[in-house]
């Protein structure tokens, strides 16, 4: 796997974990891109540019998308 793909895969894996922590209540505050970049030992701009280059979506779009999926699951569960 090339470095950009590795960075992107690592970001998406950490994002998945964090979203589950948010949904389960283990975390109350959603991490900024800076936090994910620090975890991956890259600059936040590099992380953003790399994720967008590899996936066609900015990191914030991935965050919003994953949160929307979880919100839909929660709404479905309530019905």
PDB file of N, CA and C in Angstrom:
ATOM      1  N   UNK A   1       0.853  -1.173   0.000  1.00  0.00           N
ATOM      2  CA  UNK A   1       0.000   0.000   0.000  1.00  0.00           C
ATOM      3  C   UNK A   1       0.897   1.234   0.000  1.00  0.00           C
ATOM      4  N   UNK A   2       0.570   2.186  -0.834  1.00  0.00           N
ATOM      5  CA  UNK A   2       1.341   3.430  -0.896  1.00  0.00           C
ATOM      6  C   UNK A   2       0.997   4.316   0.299  1.00  0.00           C
ATOM      7  N   UNK A   3       1.891   5.231   0.604  1.00  0.00           N
ATOM      8  CA  UNK A   3       1.742   6.103   1.781  1.00  0.00           C
ATOM      9  C   UNK A   3       0.412   6.856   1.793  1.00  0.00           C
ATOM     10  N   UNK A   4      -0.037   7.502   0.697  1.00  0.00           N
ATOM     11  CA  UNK A   4      -1.333   8.201   0.756  1.00  0.00           C
ATOM     12  C   UNK A   4      -2.496   7.270   1.104  1.00  0.00           C
ATOM     13  N   UNK A   5      -2.486   6.072   0.539  1.00  0.00           N
ATOM     14  CA  UNK A   5      -3.557   5.116   0.837  1.00  0.00           C
ATOM     15  C   UNK A   5      -3.477   4.646   2.293  1.00  0.00           C
ATOM     16  N   UNK A   6      -2.253   4.489   2.799  1.00  0.00           N
ATOM     17  CA  UNK A   6      -2.077   4.075   4.189  1.00  0.00           C
ATOM     18  C   UNK A   6      -2.577   5.163   5.149  1.00  0.00           C
ATOM     19  N   UNK A   7      -2.231   6.399   4.870  1.00  0.00           N
ATOM     20  CA  UNK A   7      -2.700   7.519   5.696  1.00  0.00           C
ATOM     21  C   UNK A   7      -4.220   7.561   5.679  1.00  0.00           C
ATOM     22  N   UNK A   8      -4.809   7.435   4.503  1.00  0.00           N
ATOM     23  CA  UNK A   8      -6.267   7.498   4.373  1.00  0.00           C
ATOM     24  C   UNK A   8      -6.939   6.344   5.097  1.00  0.00           C
ATOM     25  N   UNK A   9      -6.431   5.145   4.914  1.00  0.00           N
ATOM     26  CA  UNK A   9      -7.008   3.975   5.588  1.00  0.00           C
ATOM     27  C   UNK A   9      -6.904   4.120   7.104  1.00  0.00           C
ATOM     28  N   UNK A  10      -5.786   4.617   7.575  1.00  0.00           N
ATOM     29  CA  UNK A  10      -5.600   4.816   9.016  1.00  0.00           C
ATOM     30  C   UNK A  10      -6.564   5.875   9.544  1.00  0.00           C
ATOM     31  N   UNK A  11      -6.713   6.964   8.805  1.00  0.00           N
ATOM     32  CA  UNK A  11      -7.660   8.009   9.207  1.00  0.00           C
ATOM     33  C   UNK A  11      -9.071   7.447   9.293  1.00  0.00           C
ATOM     34  N   UNK A  12      -9.493   6.719   8.268  1.00  0.00           N
ATOM     35  CA  UNK A  12     -10.857   6.184   8.248  1.00  0.00           C
ATOM     36  C   UNK A  12     -11.075   5.172   9.372  1.00  0.00           C
ATOM     37  N   UNK A  13     -10.064   4.376   9.681  1.00  0.00           N
ATOM     38  CA  UNK A  13     -10.182   3.421  10.787  1.00  0.00           C
ATOM     39  C   UNK A  13     -10.311   4.150  12.120  1.00  0.00           C
ATOM     40  N   UNK A  14      -9.490   5.171  12.330  1.00  0.00           N
ATOM     41  CA  UNK A  14      -9.570   5.945  13.572  1.00  0.00           C
ATOM     42  C   UNK A  14     -10.898   6.697  13.657  1.00  0.00           C
ATOM     43  N   UNK A  15     -11.368   7.185  12.528  1.00  0.00           N
ATOM     44  CA  UNK A  15     -12.655   7.873  12.504  1.00  0.00           C
ATOM     45  C   UNK A  15     -13.780   6.916  12.881  1.00  0.00           C
ATOM     46  N   UNK A  16     -13.760   5.707  12.340  1.00  0.00           N
ATOM     47  CA  UNK A  16     -14.773   4.712  12.694  1.00  0.00           C
ATOM     48  C   UNK A  16     -14.779   4.444  14.201  1.00  0.00           C
ATOM     49  N   UNK A  17     -13.592   4.273  14.773  1.00  0.00           N
ATOM     50  CA  UNK A  17     -13.494   4.038  16.215  1.00  0.00           C
ATOM     51  C   UNK A  17     -14.068   5.211  17.001  1.00  0.00           C
ATOM     52  N   UNK A  18     -13.715   6.414  16.566  1.00  0.00           N
ATOM     53  CA  UNK A  18     -14.168   7.604  17.288  1.00  0.00           C
ATOM     54  C   UNK A  18     -15.683   7.777  17.190  1.00  0.00           C
ATOM     55  N   UNK A  19     -16.240   7.523  16.029  1.00  0.00           N
ATOM     56  CA  UNK A  19     -17.695   7.633  15.873  1.00  0.00           C
ATOM     57  C   UNK A  19     -18.386   6.634  16.804  1.00  0.00           C
ATOM     58  N   UNK A  20     -17.868   5.427  16.894  1.00  0.00           N
ATOM     59  CA  UNK A  20     -18.446   4.442  17.823  1.00  0.00           C
ATOM     60  C   UNK A  20     -18.325   4.907  19.272  1.00  0.00           C
ATOM     61  N   UNK A  21     -17.205   5.556  19.612  1.00  0.00           N
ATOM     62  CA  UNK A  21     -17.046   6.103  20.960  1.00  0.00           C
ATOM     63  C   UNK A  21     -18.066   7.205  21.225  1.00  0.00           C
ATOM     64  N   UNK A  22     -18.326   8.029  20.241  1.00  0.00           N
ATOM     65  CA  UNK A  22     -19.325   9.100  20.381  1.00  0.00           C
ATOM     66  C   UNK A  22     -20.709   8.498  20.573  1.00  0.00           C
ATOM     67  N   UNK A  23     -21.068   7.555  19.719  1.00  0.00           N
ATOM     68  CA  UNK A  23     -22.395   6.944  19.759  1.00  0.00           C
ATOM     69  C   UNK A  23     -22.615   6.200  21.077  1.00  0.00           C
ATOM     70  N   UNK A  24     -21.591   5.530  21.552  1.00  0.00           N
ATOM     71  CA  UNK A  24     -21.721   4.748  22.789  1.00  0.00           C
ATOM     72  C   UNK A  24     -21.665   5.614  24.046  1.00  0.00           C
ATOM     73  N   UNK A  25     -21.272   6.874  23.891  1.00  0.00           N
ATOM     74  CA  UNK A  25     -21.185   7.772  25.036  1.00  0.00           C
ATOM     75  C   UNK A  25     -19.834   7.773  25.722  1.00  0.00           C
ATOM     76  N   UNK A  26     -18.859   7.012  25.204  1.00  0.00           N
ATOM     77  CA  UNK A  26     -17.520   7.019  25.804  1.00  0.00           C
ATOM     78  C   UNK A  26     -16.807   8.345  25.556  1.00  0.00           C
ATOM     79  N   UNK A  27     -17.194   9.035  24.503  1.00  0.00           N
ATOM     80  CA  UNK A  27     -16.648  10.369  24.182  1.00  0.00           C
ATOM     81  C   UNK A  27     -17.829  11.315  24.026  1.00  0.00           C
ATOM     82  N   UNK A  28     -17.628  12.560  24.430  1.00  0.00           N
ATOM     83  CA  UNK A  28     -18.697  13.547  24.311  1.00  0.00           C
ATOM     84  C   UNK A  28     -18.400  14.610  23.269  1.00  0.00           C
ATOM     85  N   UNK A  29     -17.125  14.780  22.936  1.00  0.00           N
ATOM     86  CA  UNK A  29     -16.713  15.839  22.025  1.00  0.00           C
ATOM     87  C   UNK A  29     -16.098  15.202  20.782  1.00  0.00           C
ATOM     88  N   UNK A  30     -16.546  15.672  19.614  1.00  0.00           N
ATOM     89  CA  UNK A  30     -16.003  15.133  18.372  1.00  0.00           C
ATOM     90  C   UNK A  30     -14.630  15.745  18.117  1.00  0.00           C
ATOM     91  N   UNK A  31     -13.671  14.891  17.784  1.00  0.00           N
ATOM     92  CA  UNK A  31     -12.300  15.346  17.543  1.00  0.00           C
ATOM     93  C   UNK A  31     -12.203  16.219  16.297  1.00  0.00           C
ATOM     94  N   UNK A  32     -11.299  17.173  16.360  1.00  0.00           N
ATOM     95  CA  UNK A  32     -10.953  18.000  15.206  1.00  0.00           C
ATOM     96  C   UNK A  32      -9.975  17.217  14.330  1.00  0.00           C
ATOM     97  N   UNK A  33      -9.803  17.671  13.096  1.00  0.00           N
ATOM     98  CA  UNK A  33      -8.860  17.039  12.174  1.00  0.00           C
ATOM     99  C   UNK A  33      -7.452  17.057  12.777  1.00  0.00           C
ATOM    100  N   UNK A  34      -7.136  18.104  13.522  1.00  0.00           N
ATOM    101  CA  UNK A  34      -5.824  18.206  14.173  1.00  0.00           C
ATOM    102  C   UNK A  34      -5.555  16.982  15.039  1.00  0.00           C
ATOM    103  N   UNK A  35      -6.556  16.522  15.762  1.00  0.00           N
ATOM    104  CA  UNK A  35      -6.381  15.353  16.632  1.00  0.00           C
ATOM    105  C   UNK A  35      -6.032  14.113  15.810  1.00  0.00           C
ATOM    106  N   UNK A  36      -6.768  13.889  14.729  1.00  0.00           N
ATOM    107  CA  UNK A  36      -6.489  12.738  13.874  1.00  0.00           C
ATOM    108  C   UNK A  36      -5.101  12.854  13.249  1.00  0.00           C
ATOM    109  N   UNK A  37      -4.742  14.050  12.823  1.00  0.00           N
ATOM    110  CA  UNK A  37      -3.417  14.264  12.236  1.00  0.00           C
ATOM    111  C   UNK A  37      -2.327  13.965  13.259  1.00  0.00           C
ATOM    112  N   UNK A  38      -2.520  14.411  14.491  1.00  0.00           N
ATOM    113  CA  UNK A  38      -1.541  14.123  15.548  1.00  0.00           C
ATOM    114  C   UNK A  38      -1.412  12.621  15.774  1.00  0.00           C
ATOM    115  N   UNK A  39      -2.520  11.910  15.764  1.00  0.00           N
ATOM    116  CA  UNK A  39      -2.499  10.456  15.950  1.00  0.00           C
ATOM    117  C   UNK A  39      -1.703   9.771  14.843  1.00  0.00           C
ATOM    118  N   UNK A  40      -1.800  10.319  13.638  1.00  0.00           N
ATOM    119  CA  UNK A  40      -1.145   9.711  12.479  1.00  0.00           C
ATOM    120  C   UNK A  40       0.234  10.309  12.200  1.00  0.00           C
ATOM    121  N   UNK A  41       0.650  11.249  13.035  1.00  0.00           N
ATOM    122  CA  UNK A  41       1.961  11.907  12.906  1.00  0.00           C
ATOM    123  C   UNK A  41       2.133  12.583  11.545  1.00  0.00           C
ATOM    124  N   UNK A  42       1.094  13.295  11.126  1.00  0.00           N
ATOM    125  CA  UNK A  42       1.162  14.088   9.891  1.00  0.00           C
ATOM    126  C   UNK A  42       0.581  15.474  10.178  1.00  0.00           C
ATOM    127  N   UNK A  43       0.884  16.404   9.312  1.00  0.00           N
ATOM    128  CA  UNK A  43       0.336  17.754   9.433  1.00  0.00           C
ATOM    129  C   UNK A  43      -1.140  17.708   9.030  1.00  0.00           C
ATOM    130  N   UNK A  44      -1.999  18.490   9.687  1.00  0.00           N
ATOM    131  CA  UNK A  44      -3.426  18.474   9.355  1.00  0.00           C
ATOM    132  C   UNK A  44      -3.723  18.811   7.886  1.00  0.00           C
ATOM    133  N   UNK A  45      -2.967  19.740   7.315  1.00  0.00           N
ATOM    134  CA  UNK A  45      -3.178  20.080   5.908  1.00  0.00           C
ATOM    135  C   UNK A  45      -2.809  18.892   5.020  1.00  0.00           C
ATOM    136  N   UNK A  46      -1.736  18.215   5.374  1.00  0.00           N
ATOM    137  CA  UNK A  46      -1.331  17.028   4.612  1.00  0.00           C
ATOM    138  C   UNK A  46      -2.405  15.942   4.718  1.00  0.00           C
ATOM    139  N   UNK A  47      -2.934  15.750   5.915  1.00  0.00           N
ATOM    140  CA  UNK A  47      -4.002  14.762   6.101  1.00  0.00           C
ATOM    141  C   UNK A  47      -5.208  15.121   5.240  1.00  0.00           C
ATOM    142  N   UNK A  48      -5.628  16.360   5.302  1.00  0.00           N
ATOM    143  CA  UNK A  48      -6.790  16.790   4.516  1.00  0.00           C
ATOM    144  C   UNK A  48      -6.562  16.611   3.024  1.00  0.00           C
ATOM    145  N   UNK A  49      -5.414  17.065   2.554  1.00  0.00           N
ATOM    146  CA  UNK A  49      -5.113  16.951   1.125  1.00  0.00           C
ATOM    147  C   UNK A  49      -5.008  15.493   0.683  1.00  0.00           C
ATOM    148  N   UNK A  50      -4.400  14.668   1.510  1.00  0.00           N
ATOM    149  CA  UNK A  50      -4.219  13.256   1.162  1.00  0.00           C
ATOM    150  C   UNK A  50      -5.544  12.519   1.119  1.00  0.00           C
ATOM    151  N   UNK A  51      -6.375  12.713   2.133  1.00  0.00           N
ATOM    152  CA  UNK A  51      -7.679  12.040   2.170  1.00  0.00           C
ATOM    153  C   UNK A  51      -8.531  12.474   0.980  1.00  0.00           C
ATOM    154  N   UNK A  52      -8.513  13.772   0.685  1.00  0.00           N
ATOM    155  CA  UNK A  52      -9.298  14.256  -0.452  1.00  0.00           C
ATOM    156  C   UNK A  52      -8.757  13.693  -1.768  1.00  0.00           C
ATOM    157  N   UNK A  53      -7.451  13.622  -1.903  1.00  0.00           N
ATOM    158  CA  UNK A  53      -6.834  13.096  -3.125  1.00  0.00           C
ATOM    159  C   UNK A  53      -7.203  11.618  -3.329  1.00  0.00           C
ATOM    160  N   UNK A  54      -7.170  10.845  -2.257  1.00  0.00           N
ATOM    161  CA  UNK A  54      -7.407   9.407  -2.356  1.00  0.00           C
ATOM    162  C   UNK A  54      -8.893   9.084  -2.505  1.00  0.00           C
ATOM    163  N   UNK A  55      -9.758   9.784  -1.769  1.00  0.00           N
ATOM    164  CA  UNK A  55     -11.181   9.418  -1.733  1.00  0.00           C
ATOM    165  C   UNK A  55     -12.089  10.343  -2.521  1.00  0.00           C
ATOM    166  N   UNK A  56     -11.600  11.535  -2.822  1.00  0.00           N
ATOM    167  CA  UNK A  56     -12.457  12.514  -3.489  1.00  0.00           C
ATOM    168  C   UNK A  56     -13.326  13.294  -2.516  1.00  0.00           C
ATOM    169  N   UNK A  57     -13.175  13.005  -1.233  1.00  0.00           N
ATOM    170  CA  UNK A  57     -13.942  13.695  -0.191  1.00  0.00           C
ATOM    171  C   UNK A  57     -12.994  14.234   0.870  1.00  0.00           C
ATOM    172  N   UNK A  58     -13.302  15.409   1.387  1.00  0.00           N
ATOM    173  CA  UNK A  58     -12.513  15.982   2.478  1.00  0.00           C
ATOM    174  C   UNK A  58     -12.783  15.203   3.761  1.00  0.00           C
ATOM    175  N   UNK A  59     -11.840  15.215   4.702  1.00  0.00           N
ATOM    176  CA  UNK A  59     -12.062  14.510   5.968  1.00  0.00           C
ATOM    177  C   UNK A  59     -13.352  14.920   6.671  1.00  0.00           C
ATOM    178  N   UNK A  60     -13.680  16.202   6.636  1.00  0.00           N
ATOM    179  CA  UNK A  60     -14.908  16.646   7.307  1.00  0.00           C
ATOM    180  C   UNK A  60     -16.143  16.027   6.648  1.00  0.00           C
ATOM    181  N   UNK A  61     -16.091  15.775   5.345  1.00  0.00           N
ATOM    182  CA  UNK A  61     -17.206  15.121   4.673  1.00  0.00           C
ATOM    183  C   UNK A  61     -17.348  13.678   5.141  1.00  0.00           C
ATOM    184  N   UNK A  62     -16.227  13.009   5.365  1.00  0.00           N
ATOM    185  CA  UNK A  62     -16.273  11.650   5.895  1.00  0.00           C
ATOM    186  C   UNK A  62     -16.886  11.656   7.298  1.00  0.00           C
ATOM    187  N   UNK A  63     -16.488  12.624   8.116  1.00  0.00           N
ATOM    188  CA  UNK A  63     -17.041  12.738   9.470  1.00  0.00           C
ATOM    189  C   UNK A  63     -18.548  12.947   9.423  1.00  0.00           C
ATOM    190  N   UNK A  64     -18.984  13.886   8.627  1.00  0.00           N
ATOM    191  CA  UNK A  64     -20.412  14.181   8.516  1.00  0.00           C
ATOM    192  C   UNK A  64     -21.190  12.983   8.003  1.00  0.00           C
ATOM    193  N   UNK A  65     -20.634  12.287   7.029  1.00  0.00           N
ATOM    194  CA  UNK A  65     -21.296  11.129   6.457  1.00  0.00           C
ATOM    195  C   UNK A  65     -21.465  10.021   7.490  1.00  0.00           C
ATOM    196  N   UNK A  66     -20.420   9.745   8.233  1.00  0.00           N
ATOM    197  CA  UNK A  66     -20.487   8.682   9.243  1.00  0.00           C
ATOM    198  C   UNK A  66     -21.439   9.052  10.377  1.00  0.00           C
ATOM    199  N   UNK A  67     -21.454  10.316  10.766  1.00  0.00           N
ATOM    200  CA  UNK A  67     -22.389  10.754  11.802  1.00  0.00           C
ATOM    201  C   UNK A  67     -23.833  10.678  11.305  1.00  0.00           C
ATOM    202  N   UNK A  68     -24.052  11.007  10.043  1.00  0.00           N
ATOM    203  CA  UNK A  68     -25.400  10.919   9.472  1.00  0.00           C
ATOM    204  C   UNK A  68     -25.892   9.475   9.455  1.00  0.00           C
ATOM    205  N   UNK A  69     -25.019   8.549   9.118  1.00  0.00           N
ATOM    206  CA  UNK A  69     -25.387   7.122   9.121  1.00  0.00           C
ATOM    207  C   UNK A  69     -25.790   6.692  10.528  1.00  0.00           C
ATOM    208  N   UNK A  70     -25.008   7.087  11.520  1.00  0.00           N
ATOM    209  CA  UNK A  70     -25.320   6.705  12.898  1.00  0.00           C
ATOM    210  C   UNK A  70     -26.607   7.363  13.378  1.00  0.00           C
ATOM    211  N   UNK A  71     -26.851   8.602  12.968  1.00  0.00           N
ATOM    212  CA  UNK A  71     -28.093   9.286  13.340  1.00  0.00           C
ATOM    213  C   UNK A  71     -29.295   8.564  12.741  1.00  0.00           C
ATOM    214  N   UNK A  72     -29.171   8.137  11.489  1.00  0.00           N
ATOM    215  CA  UNK A  72     -30.262   7.391  10.847  1.00  0.00           C
ATOM    216  C   UNK A  72     -30.516   6.078  11.568  1.00  0.00           C
ATOM    217  N   UNK A  73     -29.454   5.395  11.981  1.00  0.00           N
ATOM    218  CA  UNK A  73     -29.607   4.146  12.739  1.00  0.00           C
ATOM    219  C   UNK A  73     -30.359   4.407  14.041  1.00  0.00           C
ATOM    220  N   UNK A  74     -30.001   5.494  14.721  1.00  0.00           N
ATOM    221  CA  UNK A  74     -30.650   5.830  15.989  1.00  0.00           C
ATOM    222  C   UNK A  74     -32.127   6.143  15.775  1.00  0.00           C
ATOM    223  N   UNK A  75     -32.430   6.882  14.720  1.00  0.00           N
ATOM    224  CA  UNK A  75     -33.829   7.211  14.438  1.00  0.00           C
ATOM    225  C   UNK A  75     -34.615   5.951  14.087  1.00  0.00           C
ATOM    226  N   UNK A  76     -34.010   5.062  13.334  1.00  0.00           N
ATOM    227  CA  UNK A  76     -34.680   3.818  12.976  1.00  0.00           C
ATOM    228  C   UNK A  76     -34.948   2.976  14.225  1.00  0.00           C
ATOM    229  N   UNK A  77     -33.986   2.972  15.149  1.00  0.00           N
ATOM    230  CA  UNK A  77     -34.116   2.223  16.385  1.00  0.00           C
ATOM    231  C   UNK A  77     -35.272   2.757  17.228  1.00  0.00           C
ATOM    232  N   UNK A  78     -35.479   4.084  17.217  1.00  0.00           N
ATOM    233  CA  UNK A  78     -36.550   4.694  18.008  1.00  0.00           C
ATOM    234  C   UNK A  78     -37.937   4.386  17.454  1.00  0.00           C
ATOM    235  N   UNK A  79     -38.009   4.142  16.171  1.00  0.00           N
ATOM    236  CA  UNK A  79     -39.323   3.875  15.552  1.00  0.00           C
ATOM    237  C   UNK A  79     -39.726   2.488  15.729  1.00  0.00           C
TER     238      UNK A  79
END
